[in-house]
Amino acid sequence: MRSQYRVDWPPTHLLCMPAGRVRIFEVRRLSESAKPFTHGPINMNDQFLLCVALFAFFGLFATTSKAGEDFKAEVYQSAEGQELNYRIHVPEEQDASKRYPLVLFLHGAGERGSDNEKQLVHGVKDMLAYSRKTDTPFIIVAPQCPTGQQWVNTPWSAETHTMPEEPSEPMSLVIGLLEELQSTLPVDKSRLYATGLSMGGFGTWDIVQRKPDTFAAAIPICGGGDTAMADTIKDVPIWVFHGDEDRAVIVKRSRDMVAALEEVDGNVKYTEYEGVGHNSWTRTYTDDAVLEWLLSQNKED
């Protein structure tokens, strides 16, 4: 049976907001007893809701398209011929005598695909805005995980997991991509950073656990790692974020990782947002203090 959906009535002031600002509206599954949409004449309420939905969609499309202009579309190919889509932003004006920090961003499950576009929806726009506002140039790399695959092969709803012996195929390609970029771009190898949200939060923990000597710092958001690996990553500065009302990835996952790191005297910070659900990344990436902290970490210090 085809599922039916309705769009909640939004505040009317949203209609006056400029394009690109209206991007969030709630979609709920109707109960079996609820009356579905029909194919009859569209009334005024339905017209209004349709207009709002289209306005929100095109606002999101415009925002993502604008971000796409700042991030070059590329494809990484491994020695075995496997491919991984990614977007990259390199500082517009480079000083040949300088090397630049690199931030790896791992997106969530909703941005998987093959369009090499959806991974720009969250996070990276805020990083670029911070870079320009503060005149702090750095490289931003945003790979896209293919549909049906994960950065880490583990259930997101599980209360614990053991790091798989081998990385997932997408994660293996991310590791190869980072190695290639360090040899082809003016990357400051003492200032490589990893961050990601939800599925990408799991990915952030995973790649740091596999490559603890590679990263100067990490920011995993609403993810989870292997607590048994805490001693391996205790020297990596890590700032963890989660919303206390997250129902997609339980907050216990972050709390447990923080507790495990504290037990081994790890270099860890933790911010838990009260009353926030699964979208804790919104506050994290728009907080200048967070990005300032990340970019201030240096393996040589």
C-alpha atoms as a PDB file:
ATOM      1  CA  MET A   1       0.000   0.000   0.000  1.00  0.00           C
ATOM      2  CA  ARG A   2       1.366   3.411  -0.916  1.00  0.00           C
ATOM      3  CA  SER A   3       2.247   5.532   2.107  1.00  0.00           C
ATOM      4  CA  GLN A   4       0.466   8.865   2.508  1.00  0.00           C
ATOM      5  CA  TYR A   5       2.095  11.986   3.925  1.00  0.00           C
ATOM      6  CA  ARG A   6       1.038  15.428   4.977  1.00  0.00           C
ATOM      7  CA  VAL A   7       3.077  18.576   5.459  1.00  0.00           C
ATOM      8  CA  ASP A   8       2.402  20.370   8.744  1.00  0.00           C
ATOM      9  CA  TRP A   9       1.001  23.877   8.396  1.00  0.00           C
ATOM     10  CA  PRO A  10       3.969  26.275   8.803  1.00  0.00           C
ATOM     11  CA  PRO A  11       3.980  29.722  10.378  1.00  0.00           C
ATOM     12  CA  THR A  12       2.818  32.226   7.757  1.00  0.00           C
ATOM     13  CA  HIS A  13       5.843  34.444   8.285  1.00  0.00           C
ATOM     14  CA  LEU A  14       7.963  31.842   6.527  1.00  0.00           C
ATOM     15  CA  LEU A  15       6.461  32.980   3.231  1.00  0.00           C
ATOM     16  CA  CYS A  16       8.167  36.339   3.610  1.00  0.00           C
ATOM     17  CA  MET A  17      11.638  34.888   4.101  1.00  0.00           C
ATOM     18  CA  PRO A  18      14.160  35.090   1.251  1.00  0.00           C
ATOM     19  CA  ALA A  19      14.989  32.101  -0.911  1.00  0.00           C
ATOM     20  CA  GLY A  20      17.320  29.642   0.765  1.00  0.00           C
ATOM     21  CA  ARG A  21      16.064  30.377   4.272  1.00  0.00           C
ATOM     22  CA  VAL A  22      13.027  28.091   4.293  1.00  0.00           C
ATOM     23  CA  ARG A  23      14.488  24.635   4.298  1.00  0.00           C
ATOM     24  CA  ILE A  24      12.838  22.701   7.105  1.00  0.00           C
ATOM     25  CA  PHE A  25       9.303  21.428   7.231  1.00  0.00           C
ATOM     26  CA  GLU A  26       7.873  18.427   9.005  1.00  0.00           C
ATOM     27  CA  VAL A  27       6.573  15.370   7.195  1.00  0.00           C
ATOM     28  CA  ARG A  28       4.566  12.837   9.166  1.00  0.00           C
ATOM     29  CA  ARG A  29       3.256   9.432   8.145  1.00  0.00           C
ATOM     30  CA  LEU A  30      -0.530   9.385   8.314  1.00  0.00           C
ATOM     31  CA  SER A  31      -2.246   6.721  10.363  1.00  0.00           C
ATOM     32  CA  GLU A  32      -4.324   4.135   8.540  1.00  0.00           C
ATOM     33  CA  SER A  33      -7.471   5.891   9.725  1.00  0.00           C
ATOM     34  CA  ALA A  34      -6.388   9.305   8.467  1.00  0.00           C
ATOM     35  CA  LYS A  35      -7.900  10.552   5.241  1.00  0.00           C
ATOM     36  CA  PRO A  36      -5.318  10.492   2.415  1.00  0.00           C
ATOM     37  CA  PHE A  37      -4.968  13.090  -0.289  1.00  0.00           C
ATOM     38  CA  THR A  38      -7.332  12.571  -3.194  1.00  0.00           C
ATOM     39  CA  HIS A  39      -7.051  13.324  -6.860  1.00  0.00           C
ATOM     40  CA  GLY A  40     -10.069  15.657  -6.798  1.00  0.00           C
ATOM     41  CA  PRO A  41     -10.024  19.463  -7.086  1.00  0.00           C
ATOM     42  CA  ILE A  42      -7.285  21.129  -5.041  1.00  0.00           C
ATOM     43  CA  ASN A  43      -8.692  23.430  -2.369  1.00  0.00           C
ATOM     44  CA  MET A  44      -7.067  26.618  -1.109  1.00  0.00           C
ATOM     45  CA  ASN A  45      -5.409  24.918   1.856  1.00  0.00           C
ATOM     46  CA  ASP A  46      -3.842  22.282  -0.374  1.00  0.00           C
ATOM     47  CA  GLN A  47      -2.644  24.987  -2.759  1.00  0.00           C
ATOM     48  CA  PHE A  48      -1.043  26.840   0.121  1.00  0.00           C
ATOM     49  CA  LEU A  49       0.720  23.737   1.400  1.00  0.00           C
ATOM     50  CA  LEU A  50       1.919  22.829  -2.069  1.00  0.00           C
ATOM     51  CA  CYS A  51       3.358  26.316  -2.556  1.00  0.00           C
ATOM     52  CA  VAL A  52       5.173  26.175   0.775  1.00  0.00           C
ATOM     53  CA  ALA A  53       6.590  22.727   0.020  1.00  0.00           C
ATOM     54  CA  LEU A  54       7.826  23.855  -3.400  1.00  0.00           C
ATOM     55  CA  PHE A  55       9.232  27.060  -1.927  1.00  0.00           C
ATOM     56  CA  ALA A  56      11.143  25.065   0.672  1.00  0.00           C
ATOM     57  CA  PHE A  57      12.411  22.608  -1.920  1.00  0.00           C
ATOM     58  CA  PHE A  58      13.693  25.252  -4.299  1.00  0.00           C
ATOM     59  CA  GLY A  59      15.204  27.195  -1.405  1.00  0.00           C
ATOM     60  CA  LEU A  60      17.193  24.118  -0.448  1.00  0.00           C
ATOM     61  CA  PHE A  61      18.104  23.507  -4.091  1.00  0.00           C
ATOM     62  CA  ALA A  62      19.332  27.080  -4.479  1.00  0.00           C
ATOM     63  CA  THR A  63      21.394  26.861  -1.297  1.00  0.00           C
ATOM     64  CA  THR A  64      22.998  23.564  -2.310  1.00  0.00           C
ATOM     65  CA  SER A  65      23.667  24.813  -5.841  1.00  0.00           C
ATOM     66  CA  LYS A  66      25.398  27.911  -4.473  1.00  0.00           C
ATOM     67  CA  ALA A  67      27.569  25.719  -2.251  1.00  0.00           C
ATOM     68  CA  GLY A  68      28.383  23.619  -5.299  1.00  0.00           C
ATOM     69  CA  GLU A  69      30.004  26.632  -6.937  1.00  0.00           C
ATOM     70  CA  ASP A  70      32.524  26.805  -4.099  1.00  0.00           C
ATOM     71  CA  PHE A  71      33.317  23.085  -4.005  1.00  0.00           C
ATOM     72  CA  LYS A  72      34.831  21.431  -7.059  1.00  0.00           C
ATOM     73  CA  ALA A  73      33.356  18.044  -8.010  1.00  0.00           C
ATOM     74  CA  GLU A  74      35.978  15.295  -8.233  1.00  0.00           C
ATOM     75  CA  VAL A  75      36.176  11.499  -8.347  1.00  0.00           C
ATOM     76  CA  TYR A  76      38.857   9.529  -6.509  1.00  0.00           C
ATOM     77  CA  GLN A  77      39.902   6.222  -8.048  1.00  0.00           C
ATOM     78  CA  SER A  78      41.810   3.596  -6.103  1.00  0.00           C
ATOM     79  CA  ALA A  79      44.539   1.400  -7.560  1.00  0.00           C
ATOM     80  CA  GLU A  80      41.908  -1.359  -7.824  1.00  0.00           C
ATOM     81  CA  GLY A  81      39.609   0.879  -9.859  1.00  0.00           C
ATOM     82  CA  GLN A  82      37.070   1.632  -7.130  1.00  0.00           C
ATOM     83  CA  GLU A  83      35.651   5.144  -7.248  1.00  0.00           C
ATOM     84  CA  LEU A  84      34.468   7.655  -4.668  1.00  0.00           C
ATOM     85  CA  ASN A  85      32.768  10.953  -5.437  1.00  0.00           C
ATOM     86  CA  TYR A  86      33.928  13.935  -3.450  1.00  0.00           C
ATOM     87  CA  ARG A  87      33.770  17.706  -3.346  1.00  0.00           C
ATOM     88  CA  ILE A  88      36.712  19.875  -2.419  1.00  0.00           C
ATOM     89  CA  HIS A  89      37.296  23.503  -1.596  1.00  0.00           C
ATOM     90  CA  VAL A  90      40.846  24.794  -1.858  1.00  0.00           C
ATOM     91  CA  PRO A  91      41.636  28.389  -0.774  1.00  0.00           C
ATOM     92  CA  GLU A  92      41.090  30.735  -3.709  1.00  0.00           C
ATOM     93  CA  GLU A  93      44.284  32.693  -3.137  1.00  0.00           C
ATOM     94  CA  GLN A  94      47.200  30.503  -2.158  1.00  0.00           C
ATOM     95  CA  ASP A  95      50.614  31.502  -0.943  1.00  0.00           C
ATOM     96  CA  ALA A  96      53.146  29.201  -2.589  1.00  0.00           C
ATOM     97  CA  SER A  97      55.259  29.305   0.554  1.00  0.00           C
ATOM     98  CA  LYS A  98      52.445  28.034   2.788  1.00  0.00           C
ATOM     99  CA  ARG A  99      50.720  24.758   3.510  1.00  0.00           C
ATOM    100  CA  TYR A 100      47.086  24.633   4.560  1.00  0.00           C
ATOM    101  CA  PRO A 101      45.003  22.736   7.130  1.00  0.00           C
ATOM    102  CA  LEU A 102      42.598  20.128   5.774  1.00  0.00           C
ATOM    103  CA  VAL A 103      39.180  19.335   7.233  1.00  0.00           C
ATOM    104  CA  LEU A 104      37.561  16.030   6.272  1.00  0.00           C
ATOM    105  CA  PHE A 105      33.762  16.169   6.500  1.00  0.00           C
ATOM    106  CA  LEU A 106      31.707  12.955   6.599  1.00  0.00           C
ATOM    107  CA  HIS A 107      27.999  13.418   5.908  1.00  0.00           C
ATOM    108  CA  GLY A 108      25.011  11.553   7.332  1.00  0.00           C
ATOM    109  CA  ALA A 109      22.886   8.749   5.882  1.00  0.00           C
ATOM    110  CA  GLY A 110      20.425  11.089   4.200  1.00  0.00           C
ATOM    111  CA  GLU A 111      23.087  12.535   1.929  1.00  0.00           C
ATOM    112  CA  ARG A 112      24.255   9.243   0.431  1.00  0.00           C
ATOM    113  CA  GLY A 113      23.997   8.867  -3.325  1.00  0.00           C
ATOM    114  CA  SER A 114      25.822   9.282  -6.612  1.00  0.00           C
ATOM    115  CA  ASP A 115      25.015  12.905  -7.474  1.00  0.00           C
ATOM    116  CA  ASN A 116      28.143  14.290  -5.762  1.00  0.00           C
ATOM    117  CA  GLU A 117      25.927  17.093  -4.486  1.00  0.00           C
ATOM    118  CA  LYS A 118      23.855  16.127  -1.452  1.00  0.00           C
ATOM    119  CA  GLN A 119      26.853  15.953   0.869  1.00  0.00           C
ATOM    120  CA  LEU A 120      27.035  19.759   0.664  1.00  0.00           C
ATOM    121  CA  VAL A 121      23.700  20.260   2.461  1.00  0.00           C
ATOM    122  CA  HIS A 122      25.073  20.353   6.024  1.00  0.00           C
ATOM    123  CA  GLY A 123      28.265  21.552   7.633  1.00  0.00           C
ATOM    124  CA  VAL A 124      30.543  22.523   4.785  1.00  0.00           C
ATOM    125  CA  LYS A 125      28.769  25.799   3.991  1.00  0.00           C
ATOM    126  CA  ASP A 126      29.240  26.870   7.607  1.00  0.00           C
ATOM    127  CA  MET A 127      32.922  25.938   7.504  1.00  0.00           C
ATOM    128  CA  LEU A 128      33.461  27.954   4.348  1.00  0.00           C
ATOM    129  CA  ALA A 129      31.577  30.923   5.804  1.00  0.00           C
ATOM    130  CA  TYR A 130      33.811  30.799   8.875  1.00  0.00           C
ATOM    131  CA  SER A 131      36.927  30.589   6.699  1.00  0.00           C
ATOM    132  CA  ARG A 132      35.976  33.700   4.752  1.00  0.00           C
ATOM    133  CA  LYS A 133      34.678  35.660   7.720  1.00  0.00           C
ATOM    134  CA  THR A 134      37.829  35.119   9.757  1.00  0.00           C
ATOM    135  CA  ASP A 135      40.269  35.098   6.824  1.00  0.00           C
ATOM    136  CA  THR A 136      41.388  31.613   7.858  1.00  0.00           C
ATOM    137  CA  PRO A 137      42.082  29.631   4.678  1.00  0.00           C
ATOM    138  CA  PHE A 138      41.842  25.845   4.827  1.00  0.00           C
ATOM    139  CA  ILE A 139      40.985  22.915   2.578  1.00  0.00           C
ATOM    140  CA  ILE A 140      37.587  21.229   2.967  1.00  0.00           C
ATOM    141  CA  VAL A 141      37.011  17.717   1.615  1.00  0.00           C
ATOM    142  CA  ALA A 142      33.518  16.185   1.509  1.00  0.00           C
ATOM    143  CA  PRO A 143      33.310  12.651   0.071  1.00  0.00           C
ATOM    144  CA  GLN A 144      29.932  11.086  -0.726  1.00  0.00           C
ATOM    145  CA  CYS A 145      29.079   7.608   0.510  1.00  0.00           C
ATOM    146  CA  PRO A 146      27.192   5.573  -2.129  1.00  0.00           C
ATOM    147  CA  THR A 147      23.556   4.642  -1.553  1.00  0.00           C
ATOM    148  CA  GLY A 148      23.148   1.481   0.508  1.00  0.00           C
ATOM    149  CA  GLN A 149      26.622   1.668   2.024  1.00  0.00           C
ATOM    150  CA  GLN A 150      27.956   3.129   5.278  1.00  0.00           C
ATOM    151  CA  TRP A 151      31.111   4.778   6.536  1.00  0.00           C
ATOM    152  CA  VAL A 152      31.107   2.099   9.250  1.00  0.00           C
ATOM    153  CA  ASN A 153      29.422  -1.273   8.924  1.00  0.00           C
ATOM    154  CA  THR A 154      27.500  -1.212  12.185  1.00  0.00           C
ATOM    155  CA  PRO A 155      23.840  -0.629  13.138  1.00  0.00           C
ATOM    156  CA  TRP A 156      23.281   2.978  14.198  1.00  0.00           C
ATOM    157  CA  SER A 157      20.617   1.969  16.721  1.00  0.00           C
ATOM    158  CA  ALA A 158      22.909  -0.396  18.636  1.00  0.00           C
ATOM    159  CA  GLU A 159      24.007   0.590  22.144  1.00  0.00           C
ATOM    160  CA  THR A 160      27.587  -0.565  21.482  1.00  0.00           C
ATOM    161  CA  HIS A 161      29.702  -1.860  18.645  1.00  0.00           C
ATOM    162  CA  THR A 162      33.146  -3.299  18.069  1.00  0.00           C
ATOM    163  CA  MET A 163      35.175  -1.651  15.344  1.00  0.00           C
ATOM    164  CA  PRO A 164      35.165  -3.990  12.319  1.00  0.00           C
ATOM    165  CA  GLU A 165      38.566  -5.473  11.569  1.00  0.00           C
ATOM    166  CA  GLU A 166      38.508  -3.947   8.097  1.00  0.00           C
ATOM    167  CA  PRO A 167      37.089  -0.550   7.141  1.00  0.00           C
ATOM    168  CA  SER A 168      33.989  -0.422   4.969  1.00  0.00           C
ATOM    169  CA  GLU A 169      34.631   0.054   1.259  1.00  0.00           C
ATOM    170  CA  PRO A 170      33.701   3.769   1.354  1.00  0.00           C
ATOM    171  CA  MET A 171      35.894   4.338   4.411  1.00  0.00           C
ATOM    172  CA  SER A 172      38.800   2.536   2.759  1.00  0.00           C
ATOM    173  CA  LEU A 173      38.430   4.888  -0.205  1.00  0.00           C
ATOM    174  CA  VAL A 174      38.309   7.929   2.097  1.00  0.00           C
ATOM    175  CA  ILE A 175      41.601   6.847   3.650  1.00  0.00           C
ATOM    176  CA  GLY A 176      43.128   6.455   0.186  1.00  0.00           C
ATOM    177  CA  LEU A 177      41.761   9.836  -0.880  1.00  0.00           C
ATOM    178  CA  LEU A 178      43.354  11.574   2.100  1.00  0.00           C
ATOM    179  CA  GLU A 179      46.704   9.984   1.341  1.00  0.00           C
ATOM    180  CA  GLU A 180      46.493  11.151  -2.278  1.00  0.00           C
ATOM    181  CA  LEU A 181      45.508  14.716  -1.364  1.00  0.00           C
ATOM    182  CA  GLN A 182      48.446  15.009   1.013  1.00  0.00           C
ATOM    183  CA  SER A 183      50.788  14.243  -1.855  1.00  0.00           C
ATOM    184  CA  THR A 184      49.111  16.430  -4.485  1.00  0.00           C
ATOM    185  CA  LEU A 185      47.999  19.521  -2.537  1.00  0.00           C
ATOM    186  CA  PRO A 186      49.820  21.945  -0.200  1.00  0.00           C
ATOM    187  CA  VAL A 187      48.436  20.217   2.897  1.00  0.00           C
ATOM    188  CA  ASP A 188      49.807  20.918   6.356  1.00  0.00           C
ATOM    189  CA  LYS A 189      50.148  17.328   7.578  1.00  0.00           C
ATOM    190  CA  SER A 190      50.281  18.471  11.180  1.00  0.00           C
ATOM    191  CA  ARG A 191      46.781  19.944  10.839  1.00  0.00           C
ATOM    192  CA  LEU A 192      44.468  17.293   9.425  1.00  0.00           C
ATOM    193  CA  TYR A 193      41.035  17.205  11.050  1.00  0.00           C
ATOM    194  CA  ALA A 194      38.030  14.887  10.889  1.00  0.00           C
ATOM    195  CA  THR A 195      34.417  15.735  11.600  1.00  0.00           C
ATOM    196  CA  GLY A 196      31.043  14.319  10.687  1.00  0.00           C
ATOM    197  CA  LEU A 197      27.429  13.970  11.724  1.00  0.00           C
ATOM    198  CA  SER A 198      25.199  10.976  12.447  1.00  0.00           C
ATOM    199  CA  MET A 199      26.484   8.234  10.104  1.00  0.00           C
ATOM    200  CA  GLY A 200      29.427  10.573   9.607  1.00  0.00           C
ATOM    201  CA  GLY A 201      29.817  10.847  13.380  1.00  0.00           C
ATOM    202  CA  PHE A 202      30.343   7.088  13.448  1.00  0.00           C
ATOM    203  CA  GLY A 203      32.729   7.537  10.526  1.00  0.00           C
ATOM    204  CA  THR A 204      34.693  10.189  12.397  1.00  0.00           C
ATOM    205  CA  TRP A 205      35.248   7.900  15.363  1.00  0.00           C
ATOM    206  CA  ASP A 206      36.138   5.036  13.022  1.00  0.00           C
ATOM    207  CA  ILE A 207      38.744   6.835  10.928  1.00  0.00           C
ATOM    208  CA  VAL A 208      40.423   8.364  13.983  1.00  0.00           C
ATOM    209  CA  GLN A 209      40.517   4.941  15.660  1.00  0.00           C
ATOM    210  CA  ARG A 210      42.118   3.460  12.535  1.00  0.00           C
ATOM    211  CA  LYS A 211      44.497   6.380  11.905  1.00  0.00           C
ATOM    212  CA  PRO A 212      45.183   8.029  15.290  1.00  0.00           C
ATOM    213  CA  ASP A 213      48.541   9.382  14.147  1.00  0.00           C
ATOM    214  CA  THR A 214      47.006  11.132  11.134  1.00  0.00           C
ATOM    215  CA  PHE A 215      44.650  13.591  12.794  1.00  0.00           C
ATOM    216  CA  ALA A 216      45.387  16.660  14.890  1.00  0.00           C
ATOM    217  CA  ALA A 217      41.801  16.757  16.216  1.00  0.00           C
ATOM    218  CA  ALA A 218      38.283  15.496  15.588  1.00  0.00           C
ATOM    219  CA  ILE A 219      34.666  16.559  16.107  1.00  0.00           C
ATOM    220  CA  PRO A 220      32.231  13.614  16.019  1.00  0.00           C
ATOM    221  CA  ILE A 221      28.582  14.727  16.170  1.00  0.00           C
ATOM    222  CA  CYS A 222      25.749  12.402  17.265  1.00  0.00           C
ATOM    223  CA  GLY A 223      27.740   9.290  16.433  1.00  0.00           C
ATOM    224  CA  GLY A 224      29.355   6.415  18.285  1.00  0.00           C
ATOM    225  CA  GLY A 225      32.638   4.554  18.429  1.00  0.00           C
ATOM    226  CA  ASP A 226      34.265   1.484  19.942  1.00  0.00           C
ATOM    227  CA  THR A 227      34.891   2.214  23.631  1.00  0.00           C
ATOM    228  CA  ALA A 228      37.603  -0.465  23.698  1.00  0.00           C
ATOM    229  CA  MET A 229      39.657   1.750  21.361  1.00  0.00           C
ATOM    230  CA  ALA A 230      39.762   4.687  23.783  1.00  0.00           C
ATOM    231  CA  ASP A 231      43.379   4.124  24.762  1.00  0.00           C
ATOM    232  CA  THR A 232      44.385   4.152  21.077  1.00  0.00           C
ATOM    233  CA  ILE A 233      42.971   7.651  20.510  1.00  0.00           C
ATOM    234  CA  LYS A 234      43.507   9.227  23.935  1.00  0.00           C
ATOM    235  CA  ASP A 235      46.136  11.665  22.628  1.00  0.00           C
ATOM    236  CA  VAL A 236      43.909  13.014  19.836  1.00  0.00           C
ATOM    237  CA  PRO A 237      41.990  16.146  20.920  1.00  0.00           C
ATOM    238  CA  ILE A 238      38.318  15.276  20.447  1.00  0.00           C
ATOM    239  CA  TRP A 239      35.274  17.469  21.022  1.00  0.00           C
ATOM    240  CA  VAL A 240      32.082  15.403  21.094  1.00  0.00           C
ATOM    241  CA  PHE A 241      28.556  16.759  20.472  1.00  0.00           C
ATOM    242  CA  HIS A 242      25.116  15.210  20.926  1.00  0.00           C
ATOM    243  CA  GLY A 243      21.522  16.269  21.633  1.00  0.00           C
ATOM    244  CA  ASP A 244      19.993  14.787  24.769  1.00  0.00           C
ATOM    245  CA  GLU A 245      16.706  14.083  22.959  1.00  0.00           C
ATOM    246  CA  ASP A 246      18.263  12.325  19.963  1.00  0.00           C
ATOM    247  CA  ARG A 247      16.110   9.329  19.008  1.00  0.00           C
ATOM    248  CA  ALA A 248      18.018   8.331  15.867  1.00  0.00           C
ATOM    249  CA  VAL A 249      21.381   7.766  17.565  1.00  0.00           C
ATOM    250  CA  ILE A 250      20.992   7.466  21.320  1.00  0.00           C
ATOM    251  CA  VAL A 251      22.995   9.945  23.367  1.00  0.00           C
ATOM    252  CA  LYS A 252      24.467   7.018  25.303  1.00  0.00           C
ATOM    253  CA  ARG A 253      26.799   6.397  22.368  1.00  0.00           C
ATOM    254  CA  SER A 254      28.580   9.720  22.857  1.00  0.00           C
ATOM    255  CA  ARG A 255      28.419   9.578  26.651  1.00  0.00           C
ATOM    256  CA  ASP A 256      30.037   6.144  26.657  1.00  0.00           C
ATOM    257  CA  MET A 257      32.872   7.242  24.372  1.00  0.00           C
ATOM    258  CA  VAL A 258      33.538  10.306  26.503  1.00  0.00           C
ATOM    259  CA  ALA A 259      33.527   8.223  29.695  1.00  0.00           C
ATOM    260  CA  ALA A 260      35.929   5.702  28.141  1.00  0.00           C
ATOM    261  CA  LEU A 261      38.311   8.479  27.104  1.00  0.00           C
ATOM    262  CA  GLU A 262      38.147  10.161  30.493  1.00  0.00           C
ATOM    263  CA  GLU A 263      39.007   6.851  32.124  1.00  0.00           C
ATOM    264  CA  VAL A 264      42.300   6.718  30.192  1.00  0.00           C
ATOM    265  CA  ASP A 265      42.999  10.451  30.667  1.00  0.00           C
ATOM    266  CA  GLY A 266      42.123  11.200  27.062  1.00  0.00           C
ATOM    267  CA  ASN A 267      42.092  14.675  25.562  1.00  0.00           C
ATOM    268  CA  VAL A 268      38.309  14.978  25.277  1.00  0.00           C
ATOM    269  CA  LYS A 269      35.618  17.654  25.555  1.00  0.00           C
ATOM    270  CA  TYR A 270      31.880  17.043  25.538  1.00  0.00           C
ATOM    271  CA  THR A 271      28.893  19.249  24.747  1.00  0.00           C
ATOM    272  CA  GLU A 272      25.393  17.871  25.177  1.00  0.00           C
ATOM    273  CA  TYR A 273      22.601  20.117  23.952  1.00  0.00           C
ATOM    274  CA  GLU A 274      19.556  20.127  26.204  1.00  0.00           C
ATOM    275  CA  GLY A 275      16.252  19.685  24.396  1.00  0.00           C
ATOM    276  CA  VAL A 276      17.918  19.012  21.034  1.00  0.00           C
ATOM    277  CA  GLY A 277      17.146  15.979  18.898  1.00  0.00           C
ATOM    278  CA  HIS A 278      19.144  14.496  16.056  1.00  0.00           C
ATOM    279  CA  ASN A 279      20.104  17.783  14.376  1.00  0.00           C
ATOM    280  CA  SER A 280      22.768  18.785  16.904  1.00  0.00           C
ATOM    281  CA  TRP A 281      25.129  19.569  14.021  1.00  0.00           C
ATOM    282  CA  THR A 282      23.234  22.781  13.258  1.00  0.00           C
ATOM    283  CA  ARG A 283      24.372  24.460  16.471  1.00  0.00           C
ATOM    284  CA  THR A 284      27.807  22.879  16.332  1.00  0.00           C
ATOM    285  CA  TYR A 285      28.884  24.030  12.880  1.00  0.00           C
ATOM    286  CA  THR A 286      27.455  27.531  13.278  1.00  0.00           C
ATOM    287  CA  ASP A 287      29.395  28.102  16.500  1.00  0.00           C
ATOM    288  CA  ASP A 288      32.579  29.969  15.574  1.00  0.00           C
ATOM    289  CA  ALA A 289      34.225  28.876  18.820  1.00  0.00           C
ATOM    290  CA  VAL A 290      33.991  25.237  17.737  1.00  0.00           C
ATOM    291  CA  LEU A 291      35.739  25.767  14.404  1.00  0.00           C
ATOM    292  CA  GLU A 292      38.266  28.078  16.036  1.00  0.00           C
ATOM    293  CA  TRP A 293      39.102  25.311  18.512  1.00  0.00           C
ATOM    294  CA  LEU A 294      39.396  22.690  15.765  1.00  0.00           C
ATOM    295  CA  LEU A 295      41.742  24.737  13.596  1.00  0.00           C
ATOM    296  CA  SER A 296      43.909  25.689  16.563  1.00  0.00           C
ATOM    297  CA  GLN A 297      44.917  22.070  17.187  1.00  0.00           C
ATOM    298  CA  ASN A 298      48.331  21.102  15.872  1.00  0.00           C
ATOM    299  CA  LYS A 299      50.128  17.770  16.146  1.00  0.00           C
ATOM    300  CA  GLU A 300      53.439  19.587  16.535  1.00  0.00           C
ATOM    301  CA  ASP A 301      52.324  21.402  19.715  1.00  0.00           C
END
